[in-house]
Amino acid sequence: MSAETTAHELDEFNDVDLEAKLRESKEELFNLRFQAATGQLESHGRLRTVKKDIARIYTVVRERELGIRTAPGTNDEATA
């Protein structure tokens, strides 16, 4: 299990990798919720961490759409 992901670490992902990370995190959240419902979950803090990671990924994706962040390899300053 990975530790909490920062937004700066997510900046290094391209769009395809970001979507894959989002899919992976959502799957982990589903599994954690299932474990919690059946009483098998040992680390409740992991639920919170995965939720925050998903929110961070959505934030980075939205900021890229708005032009606040840029995907790696799309530097506008390099062409100037």
PDB file of N, CA and C in Angstrom:
ATOM      1  N   MET A   1       0.841  -1.188   0.000  1.00  0.00           N
ATOM      2  CA  MET A   1       0.000   0.000   0.000  1.00  0.00           C
ATOM      3  C   MET A   1       0.878   1.239   0.000  1.00  0.00           C
ATOM      4  N   SER A   2       0.510   2.184  -0.830  1.00  0.00           N
ATOM      5  CA  SER A   2       1.314   3.393  -0.938  1.00  0.00           C
ATOM      6  C   SER A   2       0.863   4.438   0.083  1.00  0.00           C
ATOM      7  N   ALA A   3       1.766   5.345   0.364  1.00  0.00           N
ATOM      8  CA  ALA A   3       1.456   6.424   1.303  1.00  0.00           C
ATOM      9  C   ALA A   3       0.624   7.486   0.588  1.00  0.00           C
ATOM     10  N   GLU A   4       0.269   8.503   1.319  1.00  0.00           N
ATOM     11  CA  GLU A   4      -0.529   9.589   0.763  1.00  0.00           C
ATOM     12  C   GLU A   4       0.226  10.272  -0.374  1.00  0.00           C
ATOM     13  N   THR A   5      -0.445  10.528  -1.467  1.00  0.00           N
ATOM     14  CA  THR A   5       0.139  11.146  -2.645  1.00  0.00           C
ATOM     15  C   THR A   5      -0.057  12.654  -2.571  1.00  0.00           C
ATOM     16  N   THR A   6       0.999  13.407  -2.902  1.00  0.00           N
ATOM     17  CA  THR A   6       0.880  14.863  -2.898  1.00  0.00           C
ATOM     18  C   THR A   6       0.530  15.359  -4.295  1.00  0.00           C
ATOM     19  N   ALA A   7       0.027  16.570  -4.373  1.00  0.00           N
ATOM     20  CA  ALA A   7      -0.323  17.162  -5.662  1.00  0.00           C
ATOM     21  C   ALA A   7       0.925  17.357  -6.517  1.00  0.00           C
ATOM     22  N   HIS A   8       2.061  17.645  -5.894  1.00  0.00           N
ATOM     23  CA  HIS A   8       3.302  17.825  -6.652  1.00  0.00           C
ATOM     24  C   HIS A   8       3.749  16.505  -7.282  1.00  0.00           C
ATOM     25  N   GLU A   9       3.520  15.396  -6.594  1.00  0.00           N
ATOM     26  CA  GLU A   9       3.833  14.087  -7.175  1.00  0.00           C
ATOM     27  C   GLU A   9       2.904  13.795  -8.345  1.00  0.00           C
ATOM     28  N   LEU A  10       1.653  14.218  -8.242  1.00  0.00           N
ATOM     29  CA  LEU A  10       0.683  13.988  -9.318  1.00  0.00           C
ATOM     30  C   LEU A  10       1.008  14.836 -10.542  1.00  0.00           C
ATOM     31  N   ASP A  11       1.704  15.963 -10.360  1.00  0.00           N
ATOM     32  CA  ASP A  11       2.105  16.806 -11.487  1.00  0.00           C
ATOM     33  C   ASP A  11       3.009  16.056 -12.455  1.00  0.00           C
ATOM     34  N   GLU A  12       3.744  15.059 -11.953  1.00  0.00           N
ATOM     35  CA  GLU A  12       4.681  14.316 -12.781  1.00  0.00           C
ATOM     36  C   GLU A  12       3.985  13.275 -13.653  1.00  0.00           C
ATOM     37  N   PHE A  13       2.716  12.969 -13.376  1.00  0.00           N
ATOM     38  CA  PHE A  13       1.966  11.985 -14.148  1.00  0.00           C
ATOM     39  C   PHE A  13       1.398  12.632 -15.401  1.00  0.00           C
ATOM     40  N   ASN A  14       1.394  11.891 -16.525  1.00  0.00           N
ATOM     41  CA  ASN A  14       0.675  12.399 -17.693  1.00  0.00           C
ATOM     42  C   ASN A  14      -0.801  12.036 -17.523  1.00  0.00           C
ATOM     43  N   ASP A  15      -1.626  12.465 -18.456  1.00  0.00           N
ATOM     44  CA  ASP A  15      -3.075  12.280 -18.312  1.00  0.00           C
ATOM     45  C   ASP A  15      -3.479  10.809 -18.244  1.00  0.00           C
ATOM     46  N   VAL A  16      -2.813   9.967 -19.030  1.00  0.00           N
ATOM     47  CA  VAL A  16      -3.147   8.538 -19.052  1.00  0.00           C
ATOM     48  C   VAL A  16      -2.804   7.898 -17.708  1.00  0.00           C
ATOM     49  N   ASP A  17      -1.606   8.223 -17.182  1.00  0.00           N
ATOM     50  CA  ASP A  17      -1.193   7.669 -15.892  1.00  0.00           C
ATOM     51  C   ASP A  17      -2.096   8.168 -14.770  1.00  0.00           C
ATOM     52  N   LEU A  18      -2.539   9.411 -14.872  1.00  0.00           N
ATOM     53  CA  LEU A  18      -3.423   9.992 -13.860  1.00  0.00           C
ATOM     54  C   LEU A  18      -4.761   9.263 -13.838  1.00  0.00           C
ATOM     55  N   GLU A  19      -5.290   8.962 -15.016  1.00  0.00           N
ATOM     56  CA  GLU A  19      -6.548   8.211 -15.098  1.00  0.00           C
ATOM     57  C   GLU A  19      -6.378   6.811 -14.523  1.00  0.00           C
ATOM     58  N   ALA A  20      -5.227   6.191 -14.779  1.00  0.00           N
ATOM     59  CA  ALA A  20      -4.964   4.854 -14.247  1.00  0.00           C
ATOM     60  C   ALA A  20      -4.874   4.900 -12.723  1.00  0.00           C
ATOM     61  N   LYS A  21      -4.218   5.930 -12.192  1.00  0.00           N
ATOM     62  CA  LYS A  21      -4.081   6.091 -10.740  1.00  0.00           C
ATOM     63  C   LYS A  21      -5.462   6.314 -10.114  1.00  0.00           C
ATOM     64  N   LEU A  22      -6.307   7.095 -10.784  1.00  0.00           N
ATOM     65  CA  LEU A  22      -7.665   7.344 -10.299  1.00  0.00           C
ATOM     66  C   LEU A  22      -8.464   6.038 -10.256  1.00  0.00           C
ATOM     67  N   ARG A  23      -8.376   5.256 -11.318  1.00  0.00           N
ATOM     68  CA  ARG A  23      -9.088   3.984 -11.383  1.00  0.00           C
ATOM     69  C   ARG A  23      -8.614   3.040 -10.277  1.00  0.00           C
ATOM     70  N   GLU A  24      -7.296   2.998 -10.077  1.00  0.00           N
ATOM     71  CA  GLU A  24      -6.708   2.147  -9.038  1.00  0.00           C
ATOM     72  C   GLU A  24      -7.164   2.588  -7.642  1.00  0.00           C
ATOM     73  N   SER A  25      -7.186   3.883  -7.413  1.00  0.00           N
ATOM     74  CA  SER A  25      -7.591   4.405  -6.105  1.00  0.00           C
ATOM     75  C   SER A  25      -9.068   4.144  -5.834  1.00  0.00           C
ATOM     76  N   LYS A  26      -9.901   4.298  -6.866  1.00  0.00           N
ATOM     77  CA  LYS A  26     -11.330   4.026  -6.700  1.00  0.00           C
ATOM     78  C   LYS A  26     -11.576   2.555  -6.388  1.00  0.00           C
ATOM     79  N   GLU A  27     -10.810   1.684  -7.034  1.00  0.00           N
ATOM     80  CA  GLU A  27     -10.940   0.255  -6.768  1.00  0.00           C
ATOM     81  C   GLU A  27     -10.518  -0.067  -5.334  1.00  0.00           C
ATOM     82  N   GLU A  28      -9.429   0.568  -4.878  1.00  0.00           N
ATOM     83  CA  GLU A  28      -8.984   0.357  -3.505  1.00  0.00           C
ATOM     84  C   GLU A  28     -10.025   0.866  -2.514  1.00  0.00           C
ATOM     85  N   LEU A  29     -10.624   2.025  -2.800  1.00  0.00           N
ATOM     86  CA  LEU A  29     -11.658   2.568  -1.926  1.00  0.00           C
ATOM     87  C   LEU A  29     -12.848   1.615  -1.836  1.00  0.00           C
ATOM     88  N   PHE A  30     -13.253   1.053  -2.976  1.00  0.00           N
ATOM     89  CA  PHE A  30     -14.356   0.085  -2.983  1.00  0.00           C
ATOM     90  C   PHE A  30     -14.023  -1.093  -2.081  1.00  0.00           C
ATOM     91  N   ASN A  31     -12.803  -1.623  -2.230  1.00  0.00           N
ATOM     92  CA  ASN A  31     -12.395  -2.774  -1.425  1.00  0.00           C
ATOM     93  C   ASN A  31     -12.343  -2.431   0.062  1.00  0.00           C
ATOM     94  N   LEU A  32     -11.850  -1.240   0.391  1.00  0.00           N
ATOM     95  CA  LEU A  32     -11.786  -0.820   1.787  1.00  0.00           C
ATOM     96  C   LEU A  32     -13.183  -0.658   2.379  1.00  0.00           C
ATOM     97  N   ARG A  33     -14.103  -0.087   1.601  1.00  0.00           N
ATOM     98  CA  ARG A  33     -15.485   0.067   2.080  1.00  0.00           C
ATOM     99  C   ARG A  33     -16.136  -1.293   2.296  1.00  0.00           C
ATOM    100  N   PHE A  34     -15.847  -2.227   1.398  1.00  0.00           N
ATOM    101  CA  PHE A  34     -16.393  -3.581   1.540  1.00  0.00           C
ATOM    102  C   PHE A  34     -15.851  -4.233   2.814  1.00  0.00           C
ATOM    103  N   GLN A  35     -14.546  -4.077   3.065  1.00  0.00           N
ATOM    104  CA  GLN A  35     -13.945  -4.623   4.280  1.00  0.00           C
ATOM    105  C   GLN A  35     -14.545  -3.979   5.523  1.00  0.00           C
ATOM    106  N   ALA A  36     -14.792  -2.675   5.463  1.00  0.00           N
ATOM    107  CA  ALA A  36     -15.367  -1.970   6.608  1.00  0.00           C
ATOM    108  C   ALA A  36     -16.780  -2.488   6.892  1.00  0.00           C
ATOM    109  N   ALA A  37     -17.541  -2.737   5.830  1.00  0.00           N
ATOM    110  CA  ALA A  37     -18.918  -3.203   5.992  1.00  0.00           C
ATOM    111  C   ALA A  37     -18.972  -4.609   6.565  1.00  0.00           C
ATOM    112  N   THR A  38     -17.960  -5.411   6.260  1.00  0.00           N
ATOM    113  CA  THR A  38     -17.958  -6.791   6.750  1.00  0.00           C
ATOM    114  C   THR A  38     -17.162  -6.949   8.043  1.00  0.00           C
ATOM    115  N   GLY A  39     -16.623  -5.845   8.548  1.00  0.00           N
ATOM    116  CA  GLY A  39     -15.901  -5.888   9.815  1.00  0.00           C
ATOM    117  C   GLY A  39     -14.486  -6.413   9.714  1.00  0.00           C
ATOM    118  N   GLN A  40     -13.931  -6.454   8.507  1.00  0.00           N
ATOM    119  CA  GLN A  40     -12.585  -6.975   8.315  1.00  0.00           C
ATOM    120  C   GLN A  40     -11.527  -5.881   8.205  1.00  0.00           C
ATOM    121  N   LEU A  41     -11.938  -4.629   8.205  1.00  0.00           N
ATOM    122  CA  LEU A  41     -10.993  -3.527   8.011  1.00  0.00           C
ATOM    123  C   LEU A  41     -10.183  -3.294   9.273  1.00  0.00           C
ATOM    124  N   GLU A  42      -8.864  -3.290   9.112  1.00  0.00           N
ATOM    125  CA  GLU A  42      -7.978  -3.085  10.257  1.00  0.00           C
ATOM    126  C   GLU A  42      -7.522  -1.633  10.364  1.00  0.00           C
ATOM    127  N   SER A  43      -7.337  -0.983   9.220  1.00  0.00           N
ATOM    128  CA  SER A  43      -6.815   0.389   9.226  1.00  0.00           C
ATOM    129  C   SER A  43      -7.868   1.357   8.675  1.00  0.00           C
ATOM    130  N   HIS A  44      -8.634   1.969   9.573  1.00  0.00           N
ATOM    131  CA  HIS A  44      -9.669   2.918   9.131  1.00  0.00           C
ATOM    132  C   HIS A  44      -9.057   4.199   8.592  1.00  0.00           C
ATOM    133  N   GLY A  45      -7.844   4.518   8.988  1.00  0.00           N
ATOM    134  CA  GLY A  45      -7.168   5.710   8.478  1.00  0.00           C
ATOM    135  C   GLY A  45      -6.873   5.602   6.997  1.00  0.00           C
ATOM    136  N   ARG A  46      -6.719   4.389   6.510  1.00  0.00           N
ATOM    137  CA  ARG A  46      -6.442   4.186   5.085  1.00  0.00           C
ATOM    138  C   ARG A  46      -7.628   4.630   4.235  1.00  0.00           C
ATOM    139  N   LEU A  47      -8.844   4.459   4.741  1.00  0.00           N
ATOM    140  CA  LEU A  47     -10.047   4.924   4.030  1.00  0.00           C
ATOM    141  C   LEU A  47      -9.958   6.421   3.771  1.00  0.00           C
ATOM    142  N   ARG A  48      -9.620   7.174   4.795  1.00  0.00           N
ATOM    143  CA  ARG A  48      -9.510   8.627   4.681  1.00  0.00           C
ATOM    144  C   ARG A  48      -8.408   9.019   3.697  1.00  0.00           C
ATOM    145  N   THR A  49      -7.282   8.326   3.764  1.00  0.00           N
ATOM    146  CA  THR A  49      -6.157   8.633   2.884  1.00  0.00           C
ATOM    147  C   THR A  49      -6.516   8.408   1.421  1.00  0.00           C
ATOM    148  N   VAL A  50      -7.188   7.303   1.135  1.00  0.00           N
ATOM    149  CA  VAL A  50      -7.563   7.000  -0.246  1.00  0.00           C
ATOM    150  C   VAL A  50      -8.583   8.015  -0.757  1.00  0.00           C
ATOM    151  N   LYS A  51      -9.536   8.408   0.074  1.00  0.00           N
ATOM    152  CA  LYS A  51     -10.511   9.435  -0.327  1.00  0.00           C
ATOM    153  C   LYS A  51      -9.811  10.744  -0.669  1.00  0.00           C
ATOM    154  N   LYS A  52      -8.831  11.128   0.146  1.00  0.00           N
ATOM    155  CA  LYS A  52      -8.106  12.372  -0.108  1.00  0.00           C
ATOM    156  C   LYS A  52      -7.271  12.277  -1.378  1.00  0.00           C
ATOM    157  N   ASP A  53      -6.686  11.104  -1.632  1.00  0.00           N
ATOM    158  CA  ASP A  53      -5.919  10.905  -2.861  1.00  0.00           C
ATOM    159  C   ASP A  53      -6.815  11.070  -4.085  1.00  0.00           C
ATOM    160  N   ILE A  54      -8.020  10.506  -4.017  1.00  0.00           N
ATOM    161  CA  ILE A  54      -8.962  10.625  -5.128  1.00  0.00           C
ATOM    162  C   ILE A  54      -9.334  12.090  -5.349  1.00  0.00           C
ATOM    163  N   ALA A  55      -9.575  12.809  -4.281  1.00  0.00           N
ATOM    164  CA  ALA A  55      -9.913  14.234  -4.390  1.00  0.00           C
ATOM    165  C   ALA A  55      -8.749  15.016  -4.999  1.00  0.00           C
ATOM    166  N   ARG A  56      -7.518  14.683  -4.603  1.00  0.00           N
ATOM    167  CA  ARG A  56      -6.345  15.358  -5.160  1.00  0.00           C
ATOM    168  C   ARG A  56      -6.216  15.104  -6.657  1.00  0.00           C
ATOM    169  N   ILE A  57      -6.478  13.866  -7.070  1.00  0.00           N
ATOM    170  CA  ILE A  57      -6.396  13.544  -8.496  1.00  0.00           C
ATOM    171  C   ILE A  57      -7.431  14.347  -9.277  1.00  0.00           C
ATOM    172  N   TYR A  58      -8.668  14.386  -8.771  1.00  0.00           N
ATOM    173  CA  TYR A  58      -9.710  15.174  -9.437  1.00  0.00           C
ATOM    174  C   TYR A  58      -9.323  16.651  -9.504  1.00  0.00           C
ATOM    175  N   THR A  59      -8.693  17.164  -8.459  1.00  0.00           N
ATOM    176  CA  THR A  59      -8.275  18.562  -8.442  1.00  0.00           C
ATOM    177  C   THR A  59      -7.226  18.832  -9.507  1.00  0.00           C
ATOM    178  N   VAL A  60      -6.228  17.966  -9.607  1.00  0.00           N
ATOM    179  CA  VAL A  60      -5.178  18.144 -10.602  1.00  0.00           C
ATOM    180  C   VAL A  60      -5.761  18.073 -12.019  1.00  0.00           C
ATOM    181  N   VAL A  61      -6.664  17.112 -12.255  1.00  0.00           N
ATOM    182  CA  VAL A  61      -7.291  16.995 -13.569  1.00  0.00           C
ATOM    183  C   VAL A  61      -8.060  18.267 -13.911  1.00  0.00           C
ATOM    184  N   ARG A  62      -8.832  18.779 -12.971  1.00  0.00           N
ATOM    185  CA  ARG A  62      -9.622  19.992 -13.218  1.00  0.00           C
ATOM    186  C   ARG A  62      -8.733  21.214 -13.427  1.00  0.00           C
ATOM    187  N   GLU A  63      -7.659  21.315 -12.647  1.00  0.00           N
ATOM    188  CA  GLU A  63      -6.751  22.453 -12.814  1.00  0.00           C
ATOM    189  C   GLU A  63      -6.056  22.409 -14.171  1.00  0.00           C
ATOM    190  N   ARG A  64      -5.782  21.212 -14.667  1.00  0.00           N
ATOM    191  CA  ARG A  64      -5.201  21.093 -16.011  1.00  0.00           C
ATOM    192  C   ARG A  64      -6.212  21.544 -17.061  1.00  0.00           C
ATOM    193  N   GLU A  65      -7.483  21.180 -16.866  1.00  0.00           N
ATOM    194  CA  GLU A  65      -8.529  21.609 -17.801  1.00  0.00           C
ATOM    195  C   GLU A  65      -8.633  23.128 -17.840  1.00  0.00           C
ATOM    196  N   LEU A  66      -8.471  23.767 -16.682  1.00  0.00           N
ATOM    197  CA  LEU A  66      -8.599  25.221 -16.598  1.00  0.00           C
ATOM    198  C   LEU A  66      -7.310  25.945 -16.959  1.00  0.00           C
ATOM    199  N   GLY A  67      -6.232  25.201 -17.155  1.00  0.00           N
ATOM    200  CA  GLY A  67      -4.962  25.821 -17.506  1.00  0.00           C
ATOM    201  C   GLY A  67      -4.160  26.309 -16.315  1.00  0.00           C
ATOM    202  N   ILE A  68      -4.559  25.956 -15.111  1.00  0.00           N
ATOM    203  CA  ILE A  68      -3.826  26.358 -13.909  1.00  0.00           C
ATOM    204  C   ILE A  68      -2.562  25.520 -13.770  1.00  0.00           C
ATOM    205  N   ARG A  69      -2.679  24.231 -14.082  1.00  0.00           N
ATOM    206  CA  ARG A  69      -1.533  23.312 -14.080  1.00  0.00           C
ATOM    207  C   ARG A  69      -1.315  22.829 -15.509  1.00  0.00           C
ATOM    208  N   THR A  70      -0.099  22.382 -15.797  1.00  0.00           N
ATOM    209  CA  THR A  70       0.174  21.809 -17.109  1.00  0.00           C
ATOM    210  C   THR A  70       0.645  20.377 -16.940  1.00  0.00           C
ATOM    211  N   ALA A  71       0.312  19.556 -17.912  1.00  0.00           N
ATOM    212  CA  ALA A  71       0.769  18.165 -17.912  1.00  0.00           C
ATOM    213  C   ALA A  71       2.250  18.141 -18.238  1.00  0.00           C
ATOM    214  N   PRO A  72       2.984  17.134 -17.789  1.00  0.00           N
ATOM    215  CA  PRO A  72       4.419  17.065 -18.093  1.00  0.00           C
ATOM    216  C   PRO A  72       4.647  16.973 -19.606  1.00  0.00           C
ATOM    217  N   GLY A  73       5.665  17.676 -20.092  1.00  0.00           N
ATOM    218  CA  GLY A  73       5.975  17.670 -21.512  1.00  0.00           C
ATOM    219  C   GLY A  73       5.228  18.711 -22.311  1.00  0.00           C
ATOM    220  N   THR A  74       4.385  19.508 -21.674  1.00  0.00           N
ATOM    221  CA  THR A  74       3.647  20.564 -22.378  1.00  0.00           C
ATOM    222  C   THR A  74       4.048  21.926 -21.836  1.00  0.00           C
ATOM    223  N   ASN A  75       5.336  22.168 -21.744  1.00  0.00           N
ATOM    224  CA  ASN A  75       5.852  23.435 -21.235  1.00  0.00           C
ATOM    225  C   ASN A  75       5.654  24.537 -22.267  1.00  0.00           C
ATOM    226  N   ASP A  76       4.915  25.570 -21.925  1.00  0.00           N
ATOM    227  CA  ASP A  76       4.717  26.696 -22.834  1.00  0.00           C
ATOM    228  C   ASP A  76       5.935  27.599 -22.862  1.00  0.00           C
ATOM    229  N   GLU A  77       6.699  27.634 -21.774  1.00  0.00           N
ATOM    230  CA  GLU A  77       7.873  28.511 -21.710  1.00  0.00           C
ATOM    231  C   GLU A  77       8.984  28.019 -22.640  1.00  0.00           C
ATOM    232  N   ALA A  78       9.033  26.734 -22.940  1.00  0.00           N
ATOM    233  CA  ALA A  78      10.102  26.175 -23.755  1.00  0.00           C
ATOM    234  C   ALA A  78      10.016  26.654 -25.206  1.00  0.00           C
ATOM    235  N   THR A  79       8.814  27.015 -25.668  1.00  0.00           N
ATOM    236  CA  THR A  79       8.644  27.444 -27.054  1.00  0.00           C
ATOM    237  C   THR A  79       8.888  28.934 -27.221  1.00  0.00           C
ATOM    238  N   ALA A  80       8.968  29.677 -26.158  1.00  0.00           N
ATOM    239  CA  ALA A  80       9.125  31.141 -26.246  1.00  0.00           C
ATOM    240  C   ALA A  80      10.546  31.557 -26.528  1.00  0.00           C
TER     241      ALA A  80
END
